[in-house]
Amino acid sequence: MSDIPAAEEAQRSSTMESIKSFASGGVGGIAAVLVGHPFDLTKTRLQTAAPGTYTGAMDVVRKALARDGATGLYRGVVPPLLGVTPIFAVSFWAYDTSKLLILSLTPNRTSKELSIPELATAGFLSAIPSTLVTAPVERAKVLLQVQGQGQGGPQYKGVFDVVKHLYREGGIRSVYRGSAATIARDGPGSAAYFAAYEVTKKMLTPAGQSPTELNLGAIIVAGGTAGVAMWAIAIPPDVLKSRIQSAPTGTYSGFMDCARKTIAADGVAALWRGLGPAMARAFPANAATFLGVEASKKLLDKFL
């Protein structure tokens, strides 16, 4: 009988840790959007615009400011703000859950510390459930971001208008268009993301201390490094995702068809379009993400 309270306590502790992971991930995501959205808008417009529309990232910024003022750099921000809490919450929850899963599947291990490949595996697995939220949010965000750059098509009034139009146009499949490209980006990207963060944290941890005791400066460096690691490999599938999600229905039959047509029309270099803004965004946005995650976790630890 004495084991029952202990088991219940362990279950409560596990549930509480899951709640903390979920909540802190959401806080980190909001921080990422507020810092990174102008960079993301610039990247998306470079990726989807017809050749010759822009001369570079700064040209995108200049034209956005001239057309809409400073708020133009935050066009399409509502979908990620509405979706970012569940996206990042699910991602960080799934990452922590995947780490526990790996530990449970290797009961005879000599150390509770996961190896780099195991951390990367947990990161990859985290992208699978988060895609359920990420794909439709990204679809709406991309369509709002590319408005006003001469591509024609419907002009949406906002995120709910986008979703309503997409559902009316092609049902749930239209809303979720680009899901395969999303997981092609976020699977490997999340593997690099979380592994880079954990490795960098460990490298910055002084001897005899725990990574949980790192100061804010070290967390910023580790978070920024994680973002750079992710986007260093995520740009090609991100380009294809943006094109699939912004193109009229029937333009592409799938991920590989988009890749073939993109390379045929614009060359292999087109797969790296938007790299500059993505990398410029990667460090500050993801530094903000992990700063939000770690700070909110510490706060939650005090009260829960």
C-alpha atoms as a PDB file:
ATOM      1  CA  MET A   1       0.000   0.000   0.000  1.00  0.00           C
ATOM      2  CA  SER A   2       2.872   2.364   0.724  1.00  0.00           C
ATOM      3  CA  ASP A   3       3.859   2.295  -2.945  1.00  0.00           C
ATOM      4  CA  ILE A   4       0.509   3.748  -4.040  1.00  0.00           C
ATOM      5  CA  PRO A   5       1.033   7.272  -2.658  1.00  0.00           C
ATOM      6  CA  ALA A   6       4.550   7.260  -4.099  1.00  0.00           C
ATOM      7  CA  ALA A   7       3.216   6.257  -7.515  1.00  0.00           C
ATOM      8  CA  GLU A   8       0.518   8.915  -7.334  1.00  0.00           C
ATOM      9  CA  GLU A   9       3.081  11.524  -6.355  1.00  0.00           C
ATOM     10  CA  ALA A  10       5.294  10.526  -9.281  1.00  0.00           C
ATOM     11  CA  GLN A  11       2.318  10.818 -11.629  1.00  0.00           C
ATOM     12  CA  ARG A  12       1.430  14.258 -10.265  1.00  0.00           C
ATOM     13  CA  SER A  13       5.039  15.369 -10.625  1.00  0.00           C
ATOM     14  CA  SER A  14       5.167  14.155 -14.227  1.00  0.00           C
ATOM     15  CA  THR A  15       1.908  15.928 -15.050  1.00  0.00           C
ATOM     16  CA  MET A  16       3.138  19.144 -13.452  1.00  0.00           C
ATOM     17  CA  GLU A  17       6.380  19.024 -15.442  1.00  0.00           C
ATOM     18  CA  SER A  18       4.374  18.556 -18.637  1.00  0.00           C
ATOM     19  CA  ILE A  19       2.255  21.590 -17.766  1.00  0.00           C
ATOM     20  CA  LYS A  20       5.384  23.640 -17.116  1.00  0.00           C
ATOM     21  CA  SER A  21       6.912  22.564 -20.441  1.00  0.00           C
ATOM     22  CA  PHE A  22       3.698  23.433 -22.258  1.00  0.00           C
ATOM     23  CA  ALA A  23       3.285  26.845 -20.609  1.00  0.00           C
ATOM     24  CA  SER A  24       6.923  27.910 -20.850  1.00  0.00           C
ATOM     25  CA  GLY A  25       7.046  26.882 -24.501  1.00  0.00           C
ATOM     26  CA  GLY A  26       4.105  29.167 -25.200  1.00  0.00           C
ATOM     27  CA  VAL A  27       5.803  32.103 -23.483  1.00  0.00           C
ATOM     28  CA  GLY A  28       8.961  31.479 -25.481  1.00  0.00           C
ATOM     29  CA  GLY A  29       6.996  31.373 -28.710  1.00  0.00           C
ATOM     30  CA  ILE A  30       5.331  34.719 -28.097  1.00  0.00           C
ATOM     31  CA  ALA A  31       8.740  36.268 -27.433  1.00  0.00           C
ATOM     32  CA  ALA A  32      10.035  34.770 -30.686  1.00  0.00           C
ATOM     33  CA  VAL A  33       7.201  36.237 -32.756  1.00  0.00           C
ATOM     34  CA  LEU A  34       7.488  39.718 -31.301  1.00  0.00           C
ATOM     35  CA  VAL A  35      11.215  39.820 -32.024  1.00  0.00           C
ATOM     36  CA  GLY A  36      11.334  37.872 -35.257  1.00  0.00           C
ATOM     37  CA  HIS A  37       8.236  38.656 -37.318  1.00  0.00           C
ATOM     38  CA  PRO A  38       9.682  41.513 -39.430  1.00  0.00           C
ATOM     39  CA  PHE A  39      12.554  39.223 -40.445  1.00  0.00           C
ATOM     40  CA  ASP A  40      10.106  36.424 -41.221  1.00  0.00           C
ATOM     41  CA  LEU A  41       7.932  38.660 -43.387  1.00  0.00           C
ATOM     42  CA  THR A  42      11.004  39.771 -45.334  1.00  0.00           C
ATOM     43  CA  LYS A  43      12.086  36.151 -45.842  1.00  0.00           C
ATOM     44  CA  THR A  44       8.657  35.026 -47.032  1.00  0.00           C
ATOM     45  CA  ARG A  45       8.297  37.871 -49.525  1.00  0.00           C
ATOM     46  CA  LEU A  46      11.732  37.176 -50.985  1.00  0.00           C
ATOM     47  CA  GLN A  47      10.879  33.487 -51.306  1.00  0.00           C
ATOM     48  CA  THR A  48       7.520  33.931 -53.024  1.00  0.00           C
ATOM     49  CA  ALA A  49       7.910  37.072 -55.150  1.00  0.00           C
ATOM     50  CA  ALA A  50       8.392  36.917 -58.896  1.00  0.00           C
ATOM     51  CA  PRO A  51      12.023  37.375 -60.014  1.00  0.00           C
ATOM     52  CA  GLY A  52      12.945  41.052 -60.123  1.00  0.00           C
ATOM     53  CA  THR A  53      10.307  42.172 -57.627  1.00  0.00           C
ATOM     54  CA  TYR A  54      12.936  42.921 -54.997  1.00  0.00           C
ATOM     55  CA  THR A  55      16.657  43.569 -55.191  1.00  0.00           C
ATOM     56  CA  GLY A  56      17.229  42.137 -51.727  1.00  0.00           C
ATOM     57  CA  ALA A  57      16.097  42.062 -48.127  1.00  0.00           C
ATOM     58  CA  MET A  58      16.454  45.796 -47.556  1.00  0.00           C
ATOM     59  CA  ASP A  59      14.383  46.475 -50.672  1.00  0.00           C
ATOM     60  CA  VAL A  60      11.576  44.380 -49.167  1.00  0.00           C
ATOM     61  CA  VAL A  61      11.773  46.422 -45.973  1.00  0.00           C
ATOM     62  CA  ARG A  62      11.818  49.751 -47.833  1.00  0.00           C
ATOM     63  CA  LYS A  63       8.794  48.853 -49.949  1.00  0.00           C
ATOM     64  CA  ALA A  64       6.860  47.507 -46.961  1.00  0.00           C
ATOM     65  CA  LEU A  65       7.513  50.707 -45.009  1.00  0.00           C
ATOM     66  CA  ALA A  66       6.612  52.889 -47.995  1.00  0.00           C
ATOM     67  CA  ARG A  67       3.356  51.029 -48.562  1.00  0.00           C
ATOM     68  CA  ASP A  68       2.104  50.412 -45.030  1.00  0.00           C
ATOM     69  CA  GLY A  69       4.402  52.216 -42.614  1.00  0.00           C
ATOM     70  CA  ALA A  70       6.024  50.499 -39.652  1.00  0.00           C
ATOM     71  CA  THR A  71       2.980  48.282 -39.144  1.00  0.00           C
ATOM     72  CA  GLY A  72       3.643  46.811 -42.583  1.00  0.00           C
ATOM     73  CA  LEU A  73       6.539  44.854 -41.114  1.00  0.00           C
ATOM     74  CA  TYR A  74       4.047  43.101 -38.851  1.00  0.00           C
ATOM     75  CA  ARG A  75       1.579  42.141 -41.573  1.00  0.00           C
ATOM     76  CA  GLY A  76       0.512  38.543 -41.005  1.00  0.00           C
ATOM     77  CA  VAL A  77       1.559  38.642 -37.348  1.00  0.00           C
ATOM     78  CA  VAL A  78      -1.863  37.624 -36.013  1.00  0.00           C
ATOM     79  CA  PRO A  79      -1.747  33.983 -37.202  1.00  0.00           C
ATOM     80  CA  PRO A  80       1.583  33.235 -35.511  1.00  0.00           C
ATOM     81  CA  LEU A  81       0.569  35.140 -32.384  1.00  0.00           C
ATOM     82  CA  LEU A  82      -2.668  33.166 -32.195  1.00  0.00           C
ATOM     83  CA  GLY A  83      -0.959  29.931 -33.065  1.00  0.00           C
ATOM     84  CA  VAL A  84       2.420  30.436 -31.477  1.00  0.00           C
ATOM     85  CA  THR A  85       1.359  29.483 -27.974  1.00  0.00           C
ATOM     86  CA  PRO A  86       0.098  26.033 -28.989  1.00  0.00           C
ATOM     87  CA  ILE A  87       2.894  25.571 -31.563  1.00  0.00           C
ATOM     88  CA  PHE A  88       5.760  26.255 -29.184  1.00  0.00           C
ATOM     89  CA  ALA A  89       3.890  24.819 -26.228  1.00  0.00           C
ATOM     90  CA  VAL A  90       3.361  21.531 -28.058  1.00  0.00           C
ATOM     91  CA  SER A  91       6.922  21.594 -29.404  1.00  0.00           C
ATOM     92  CA  PHE A  92       8.605  22.030 -26.017  1.00  0.00           C
ATOM     93  CA  TRP A  93       6.183  19.626 -24.345  1.00  0.00           C
ATOM     94  CA  ALA A  94       6.792  17.037 -27.074  1.00  0.00           C
ATOM     95  CA  TYR A  95      10.550  17.512 -26.795  1.00  0.00           C
ATOM     96  CA  ASP A  96      10.552  16.883 -23.050  1.00  0.00           C
ATOM     97  CA  THR A  97       8.146  13.964 -23.489  1.00  0.00           C
ATOM     98  CA  SER A  98      10.336  12.481 -26.230  1.00  0.00           C
ATOM     99  CA  LYS A  99      13.372  12.667 -23.959  1.00  0.00           C
ATOM    100  CA  LEU A 100      11.464  10.734 -21.301  1.00  0.00           C
ATOM    101  CA  LEU A 101      10.372   8.228 -23.946  1.00  0.00           C
ATOM    102  CA  ILE A 102      13.974   7.645 -24.998  1.00  0.00           C
ATOM    103  CA  LEU A 103      14.975   7.108 -21.374  1.00  0.00           C
ATOM    104  CA  SER A 104      12.121   4.644 -20.858  1.00  0.00           C
ATOM    105  CA  LEU A 105      13.125   2.683 -23.960  1.00  0.00           C
ATOM    106  CA  THR A 106      16.720   2.363 -22.734  1.00  0.00           C
ATOM    107  CA  PRO A 107      16.306   1.153 -19.126  1.00  0.00           C
ATOM    108  CA  ASN A 108      19.783  -0.391 -18.905  1.00  0.00           C
ATOM    109  CA  ARG A 109      21.653   2.789 -19.728  1.00  0.00           C
ATOM    110  CA  THR A 110      24.463   3.824 -17.388  1.00  0.00           C
ATOM    111  CA  SER A 111      23.664   7.546 -17.500  1.00  0.00           C
ATOM    112  CA  LYS A 112      20.468   9.578 -17.473  1.00  0.00           C
ATOM    113  CA  GLU A 113      22.195  12.152 -19.669  1.00  0.00           C
ATOM    114  CA  LEU A 114      21.093  11.846 -23.294  1.00  0.00           C
ATOM    115  CA  SER A 115      23.667  11.710 -26.058  1.00  0.00           C
ATOM    116  CA  ILE A 116      23.673  14.238 -28.903  1.00  0.00           C
ATOM    117  CA  PRO A 117      21.983  11.771 -31.321  1.00  0.00           C
ATOM    118  CA  GLU A 118      19.328  11.065 -28.681  1.00  0.00           C
ATOM    119  CA  LEU A 119      18.714  14.786 -28.149  1.00  0.00           C
ATOM    120  CA  ALA A 120      18.429  15.235 -31.906  1.00  0.00           C
ATOM    121  CA  THR A 121      15.970  12.333 -32.093  1.00  0.00           C
ATOM    122  CA  ALA A 122      13.837  13.891 -29.369  1.00  0.00           C
ATOM    123  CA  GLY A 123      13.942  17.164 -31.288  1.00  0.00           C
ATOM    124  CA  PHE A 124      12.839  15.477 -34.507  1.00  0.00           C
ATOM    125  CA  LEU A 125       9.965  13.718 -32.748  1.00  0.00           C
ATOM    126  CA  SER A 126       8.789  17.025 -31.275  1.00  0.00           C
ATOM    127  CA  ALA A 127       8.016  18.297 -34.784  1.00  0.00           C
ATOM    128  CA  ILE A 128       5.440  15.593 -35.488  1.00  0.00           C
ATOM    129  CA  PRO A 129       2.640  16.694 -33.126  1.00  0.00           C
ATOM    130  CA  SER A 130       3.471  20.390 -33.483  1.00  0.00           C
ATOM    131  CA  THR A 131       2.908  20.197 -37.256  1.00  0.00           C
ATOM    132  CA  LEU A 132      -0.806  19.722 -36.571  1.00  0.00           C
ATOM    133  CA  VAL A 133      -0.840  23.322 -35.358  1.00  0.00           C
ATOM    134  CA  THR A 134       2.060  24.760 -37.344  1.00  0.00           C
ATOM    135  CA  ALA A 135       0.859  23.882 -40.853  1.00  0.00           C
ATOM    136  CA  PRO A 136      -2.467  25.789 -40.872  1.00  0.00           C
ATOM    137  CA  VAL A 137      -0.983  28.730 -38.965  1.00  0.00           C
ATOM    138  CA  GLU A 138       1.883  28.983 -41.452  1.00  0.00           C
ATOM    139  CA  ARG A 139      -0.553  28.697 -44.364  1.00  0.00           C
ATOM    140  CA  ALA A 140      -2.574  31.670 -43.122  1.00  0.00           C
ATOM    141  CA  LYS A 141       0.534  33.653 -42.209  1.00  0.00           C
ATOM    142  CA  VAL A 142       2.164  33.186 -45.617  1.00  0.00           C
ATOM    143  CA  LEU A 143      -0.976  34.222 -47.504  1.00  0.00           C
ATOM    144  CA  LEU A 144      -1.275  37.378 -45.428  1.00  0.00           C
ATOM    145  CA  GLN A 145       2.425  38.165 -45.786  1.00  0.00           C
ATOM    146  CA  VAL A 146       2.486  37.945 -49.585  1.00  0.00           C
ATOM    147  CA  GLN A 147      -0.500  40.226 -50.090  1.00  0.00           C
ATOM    148  CA  GLY A 148       0.340  43.475 -51.779  1.00  0.00           C
ATOM    149  CA  GLN A 149       3.322  42.307 -53.801  1.00  0.00           C
ATOM    150  CA  GLY A 150       1.600  42.061 -57.147  1.00  0.00           C
ATOM    151  CA  GLN A 151       0.637  38.387 -57.233  1.00  0.00           C
ATOM    152  CA  GLY A 152      -3.096  38.968 -57.537  1.00  0.00           C
ATOM    153  CA  GLY A 153      -5.528  36.617 -55.874  1.00  0.00           C
ATOM    154  CA  PRO A 154      -7.938  37.372 -53.061  1.00  0.00           C
ATOM    155  CA  GLN A 155      -7.159  40.091 -50.585  1.00  0.00           C
ATOM    156  CA  TYR A 156      -7.834  38.827 -47.095  1.00  0.00           C
ATOM    157  CA  LYS A 157      -9.138  40.980 -44.280  1.00  0.00           C
ATOM    158  CA  GLY A 158      -7.431  38.971 -41.565  1.00  0.00           C
ATOM    159  CA  VAL A 159      -6.582  35.530 -40.296  1.00  0.00           C
ATOM    160  CA  PHE A 160     -10.171  34.364 -39.854  1.00  0.00           C
ATOM    161  CA  ASP A 161     -11.023  35.555 -43.346  1.00  0.00           C
ATOM    162  CA  VAL A 162      -8.080  33.508 -44.667  1.00  0.00           C
ATOM    163  CA  VAL A 163      -9.199  30.346 -42.892  1.00  0.00           C
ATOM    164  CA  LYS A 164     -12.809  30.824 -43.979  1.00  0.00           C
ATOM    165  CA  HIS A 165     -11.772  31.321 -47.598  1.00  0.00           C
ATOM    166  CA  LEU A 166      -9.428  28.320 -47.579  1.00  0.00           C
ATOM    167  CA  TYR A 167     -12.017  26.030 -46.049  1.00  0.00           C
ATOM    168  CA  ARG A 168     -14.643  27.176 -48.537  1.00  0.00           C
ATOM    169  CA  GLU A 169     -12.154  26.678 -51.366  1.00  0.00           C
ATOM    170  CA  GLY A 170     -10.980  23.162 -50.568  1.00  0.00           C
ATOM    171  CA  GLY A 171     -11.997  22.068 -47.108  1.00  0.00           C
ATOM    172  CA  ILE A 172      -9.541  20.950 -44.466  1.00  0.00           C
ATOM    173  CA  ARG A 173      -7.026  19.846 -47.121  1.00  0.00           C
ATOM    174  CA  SER A 174      -6.701  23.420 -48.310  1.00  0.00           C
ATOM    175  CA  VAL A 175      -6.199  24.688 -44.760  1.00  0.00           C
ATOM    176  CA  TYR A 176      -3.470  22.087 -44.201  1.00  0.00           C
ATOM    177  CA  ARG A 177      -1.745  22.501 -47.564  1.00  0.00           C
ATOM    178  CA  GLY A 178       2.020  22.380 -47.088  1.00  0.00           C
ATOM    179  CA  SER A 179       1.978  19.977 -44.132  1.00  0.00           C
ATOM    180  CA  ALA A 180       4.523  17.625 -45.718  1.00  0.00           C
ATOM    181  CA  ALA A 181       6.825  20.548 -46.439  1.00  0.00           C
ATOM    182  CA  THR A 182       6.334  21.799 -42.886  1.00  0.00           C
ATOM    183  CA  ILE A 183       7.476  18.530 -41.349  1.00  0.00           C
ATOM    184  CA  ALA A 184      10.304  18.271 -43.904  1.00  0.00           C
ATOM    185  CA  ARG A 185      11.489  21.613 -42.542  1.00  0.00           C
ATOM    186  CA  ASP A 186      10.694  21.197 -38.861  1.00  0.00           C
ATOM    187  CA  GLY A 187      11.784  17.575 -38.373  1.00  0.00           C
ATOM    188  CA  PRO A 188      15.480  18.009 -39.208  1.00  0.00           C
ATOM    189  CA  GLY A 189      15.324  21.637 -38.102  1.00  0.00           C
ATOM    190  CA  SER A 190      14.042  20.757 -34.632  1.00  0.00           C
ATOM    191  CA  ALA A 191      16.640  18.001 -34.336  1.00  0.00           C
ATOM    192  CA  ALA A 192      19.391  20.565 -34.926  1.00  0.00           C
ATOM    193  CA  TYR A 193      17.595  23.180 -32.826  1.00  0.00           C
ATOM    194  CA  PHE A 194      17.262  21.313 -29.561  1.00  0.00           C
ATOM    195  CA  ALA A 195      20.544  19.428 -29.860  1.00  0.00           C
ATOM    196  CA  ALA A 196      22.451  22.661 -30.514  1.00  0.00           C
ATOM    197  CA  TYR A 197      20.802  24.337 -27.532  1.00  0.00           C
ATOM    198  CA  GLU A 198      21.626  21.504 -25.138  1.00  0.00           C
ATOM    199  CA  VAL A 199      25.200  21.146 -26.406  1.00  0.00           C
ATOM    200  CA  THR A 200      25.863  24.893 -26.248  1.00  0.00           C
ATOM    201  CA  LYS A 201      24.419  25.087 -22.736  1.00  0.00           C
ATOM    202  CA  LYS A 202      26.704  22.278 -21.644  1.00  0.00           C
ATOM    203  CA  MET A 203      29.732  23.972 -23.209  1.00  0.00           C
ATOM    204  CA  LEU A 204      28.933  27.232 -21.413  1.00  0.00           C
ATOM    205  CA  THR A 205      28.378  25.575 -18.034  1.00  0.00           C
ATOM    206  CA  PRO A 206      31.323  26.091 -15.662  1.00  0.00           C
ATOM    207  CA  ALA A 207      32.823  22.984 -14.096  1.00  0.00           C
ATOM    208  CA  GLY A 208      30.895  21.820 -11.073  1.00  0.00           C
ATOM    209  CA  GLN A 209      27.708  23.665 -12.021  1.00  0.00           C
ATOM    210  CA  SER A 210      24.449  22.531 -13.577  1.00  0.00           C
ATOM    211  CA  PRO A 211      23.198  23.883 -16.939  1.00  0.00           C
ATOM    212  CA  THR A 212      20.055  24.968 -15.072  1.00  0.00           C
ATOM    213  CA  GLU A 213      22.181  27.524 -13.203  1.00  0.00           C
ATOM    214  CA  LEU A 214      23.295  29.407 -16.325  1.00  0.00           C
ATOM    215  CA  ASN A 215      22.891  33.182 -16.366  1.00  0.00           C
ATOM    216  CA  LEU A 216      20.725  35.030 -18.875  1.00  0.00           C
ATOM    217  CA  GLY A 217      23.666  35.880 -21.112  1.00  0.00           C
ATOM    218  CA  ALA A 218      24.570  32.222 -21.550  1.00  0.00           C
ATOM    219  CA  ILE A 219      20.938  31.317 -22.269  1.00  0.00           C
ATOM    220  CA  ILE A 220      20.800  34.031 -24.931  1.00  0.00           C
ATOM    221  CA  VAL A 221      23.948  32.653 -26.588  1.00  0.00           C
ATOM    222  CA  ALA A 222      22.678  29.063 -26.447  1.00  0.00           C
ATOM    223  CA  GLY A 223      19.233  30.012 -27.749  1.00  0.00           C
ATOM    224  CA  GLY A 224      20.634  32.122 -30.561  1.00  0.00           C
ATOM    225  CA  THR A 225      23.016  29.333 -31.545  1.00  0.00           C
ATOM    226  CA  ALA A 226      20.100  26.892 -31.651  1.00  0.00           C
ATOM    227  CA  GLY A 227      18.232  29.171 -34.042  1.00  0.00           C
ATOM    228  CA  VAL A 228      21.220  29.515 -36.346  1.00  0.00           C
ATOM    229  CA  ALA A 229      21.725  25.726 -36.353  1.00  0.00           C
ATOM    230  CA  MET A 230      18.104  25.152 -37.304  1.00  0.00           C
ATOM    231  CA  TRP A 231      17.895  27.672 -40.122  1.00  0.00           C
ATOM    232  CA  ALA A 232      21.236  26.627 -41.563  1.00  0.00           C
ATOM    233  CA  ILE A 233      19.504  23.441 -42.755  1.00  0.00           C
ATOM    234  CA  ALA A 234      15.838  24.486 -42.876  1.00  0.00           C
ATOM    235  CA  ILE A 235      15.833  27.090 -45.645  1.00  0.00           C
ATOM    236  CA  PRO A 236      15.360  24.815 -48.722  1.00  0.00           C
ATOM    237  CA  PRO A 237      12.238  23.063 -47.367  1.00  0.00           C
ATOM    238  CA  ASP A 238      11.039  26.418 -46.025  1.00  0.00           C
ATOM    239  CA  VAL A 239      11.254  27.947 -49.509  1.00  0.00           C
ATOM    240  CA  LEU A 240       9.207  25.067 -50.909  1.00  0.00           C
ATOM    241  CA  LYS A 241       6.714  25.312 -48.052  1.00  0.00           C
ATOM    242  CA  SER A 242       6.200  29.028 -48.661  1.00  0.00           C
ATOM    243  CA  ARG A 243       5.673  28.474 -52.379  1.00  0.00           C
ATOM    244  CA  ILE A 244       3.259  25.584 -51.906  1.00  0.00           C
ATOM    245  CA  GLN A 245       1.244  27.489 -49.320  1.00  0.00           C
ATOM    246  CA  SER A 246       1.048  30.741 -51.285  1.00  0.00           C
ATOM    247  CA  ALA A 247       0.499  29.367 -54.804  1.00  0.00           C
ATOM    248  CA  PRO A 248      -2.945  29.041 -56.419  1.00  0.00           C
ATOM    249  CA  THR A 249      -4.574  25.629 -56.149  1.00  0.00           C
ATOM    250  CA  GLY A 250      -3.147  23.187 -58.682  1.00  0.00           C
ATOM    251  CA  THR A 251       0.190  24.935 -59.153  1.00  0.00           C
ATOM    252  CA  TYR A 252       2.087  22.091 -57.496  1.00  0.00           C
ATOM    253  CA  SER A 253       1.105  18.465 -57.024  1.00  0.00           C
ATOM    254  CA  GLY A 254       3.320  18.099 -53.974  1.00  0.00           C
ATOM    255  CA  PHE A 255       6.644  18.771 -52.292  1.00  0.00           C
ATOM    256  CA  MET A 256       8.862  17.155 -54.940  1.00  0.00           C
ATOM    257  CA  ASP A 257       6.893  18.722 -57.790  1.00  0.00           C
ATOM    258  CA  CYS A 258       7.444  22.129 -56.228  1.00  0.00           C
ATOM    259  CA  ALA A 259      11.162  21.392 -55.873  1.00  0.00           C
ATOM    260  CA  ARG A 260      11.451  20.349 -59.533  1.00  0.00           C
ATOM    261  CA  LYS A 261       9.541  23.364 -60.831  1.00  0.00           C
ATOM    262  CA  THR A 262      11.397  25.797 -58.578  1.00  0.00           C
ATOM    263  CA  ILE A 263      14.806  24.534 -59.704  1.00  0.00           C
ATOM    264  CA  ALA A 264      13.734  24.432 -63.359  1.00  0.00           C
ATOM    265  CA  ALA A 265      12.424  27.998 -63.267  1.00  0.00           C
ATOM    266  CA  ASP A 266      14.897  29.746 -60.972  1.00  0.00           C
ATOM    267  CA  GLY A 267      17.850  27.411 -60.485  1.00  0.00           C
ATOM    268  CA  VAL A 268      19.141  25.646 -57.383  1.00  0.00           C
ATOM    269  CA  ALA A 269      19.996  28.997 -55.801  1.00  0.00           C
ATOM    270  CA  ALA A 270      16.262  29.657 -55.446  1.00  0.00           C
ATOM    271  CA  LEU A 271      16.146  27.025 -52.698  1.00  0.00           C
ATOM    272  CA  TRP A 272      18.262  29.341 -50.567  1.00  0.00           C
ATOM    273  CA  ARG A 273      16.225  32.476 -51.231  1.00  0.00           C
ATOM    274  CA  GLY A 274      15.485  34.276 -47.986  1.00  0.00           C
ATOM    275  CA  LEU A 275      18.571  32.880 -46.239  1.00  0.00           C
ATOM    276  CA  GLY A 276      19.780  36.354 -45.243  1.00  0.00           C
ATOM    277  CA  PRO A 277      16.620  37.443 -43.390  1.00  0.00           C
ATOM    278  CA  ALA A 278      16.203  33.968 -41.892  1.00  0.00           C
ATOM    279  CA  MET A 279      19.708  33.967 -40.462  1.00  0.00           C
ATOM    280  CA  ALA A 280      19.379  37.586 -39.327  1.00  0.00           C
ATOM    281  CA  ARG A 281      16.219  36.563 -37.469  1.00  0.00           C
ATOM    282  CA  ALA A 282      17.571  33.248 -36.195  1.00  0.00           C
ATOM    283  CA  PHE A 283      19.774  34.509 -33.390  1.00  0.00           C
ATOM    284  CA  PRO A 284      17.650  37.258 -31.786  1.00  0.00           C
ATOM    285  CA  ALA A 285      14.296  35.492 -32.181  1.00  0.00           C
ATOM    286  CA  ASN A 286      15.489  32.200 -30.739  1.00  0.00           C
ATOM    287  CA  ALA A 287      17.523  33.862 -28.032  1.00  0.00           C
ATOM    288  CA  ALA A 288      14.219  35.487 -27.038  1.00  0.00           C
ATOM    289  CA  THR A 289      12.469  32.109 -27.264  1.00  0.00           C
ATOM    290  CA  PHE A 290      14.749  30.295 -24.855  1.00  0.00           C
ATOM    291  CA  LEU A 291      15.000  33.324 -22.595  1.00  0.00           C
ATOM    292  CA  GLY A 292      11.213  33.264 -22.326  1.00  0.00           C
ATOM    293  CA  VAL A 293      11.171  29.500 -21.810  1.00  0.00           C
ATOM    294  CA  GLU A 294      13.836  29.413 -19.109  1.00  0.00           C
ATOM    295  CA  ALA A 295      12.563  32.510 -17.282  1.00  0.00           C
ATOM    296  CA  SER A 296       8.976  31.256 -17.224  1.00  0.00           C
ATOM    297  CA  LYS A 297      10.100  27.796 -16.094  1.00  0.00           C
ATOM    298  CA  LYS A 298      11.934  29.303 -13.145  1.00  0.00           C
ATOM    299  CA  LEU A 299       8.881  31.382 -12.305  1.00  0.00           C
ATOM    300  CA  LEU A 300       6.601  28.354 -12.512  1.00  0.00           C
ATOM    301  CA  ASP A 301       8.985  26.331 -10.343  1.00  0.00           C
ATOM    302  CA  LYS A 302       8.525  28.905  -7.589  1.00  0.00           C
ATOM    303  CA  PHE A 303       4.742  28.746  -7.590  1.00  0.00           C
ATOM    304  CA  LEU A 304       3.892  25.210  -8.720  1.00  0.00           C
END
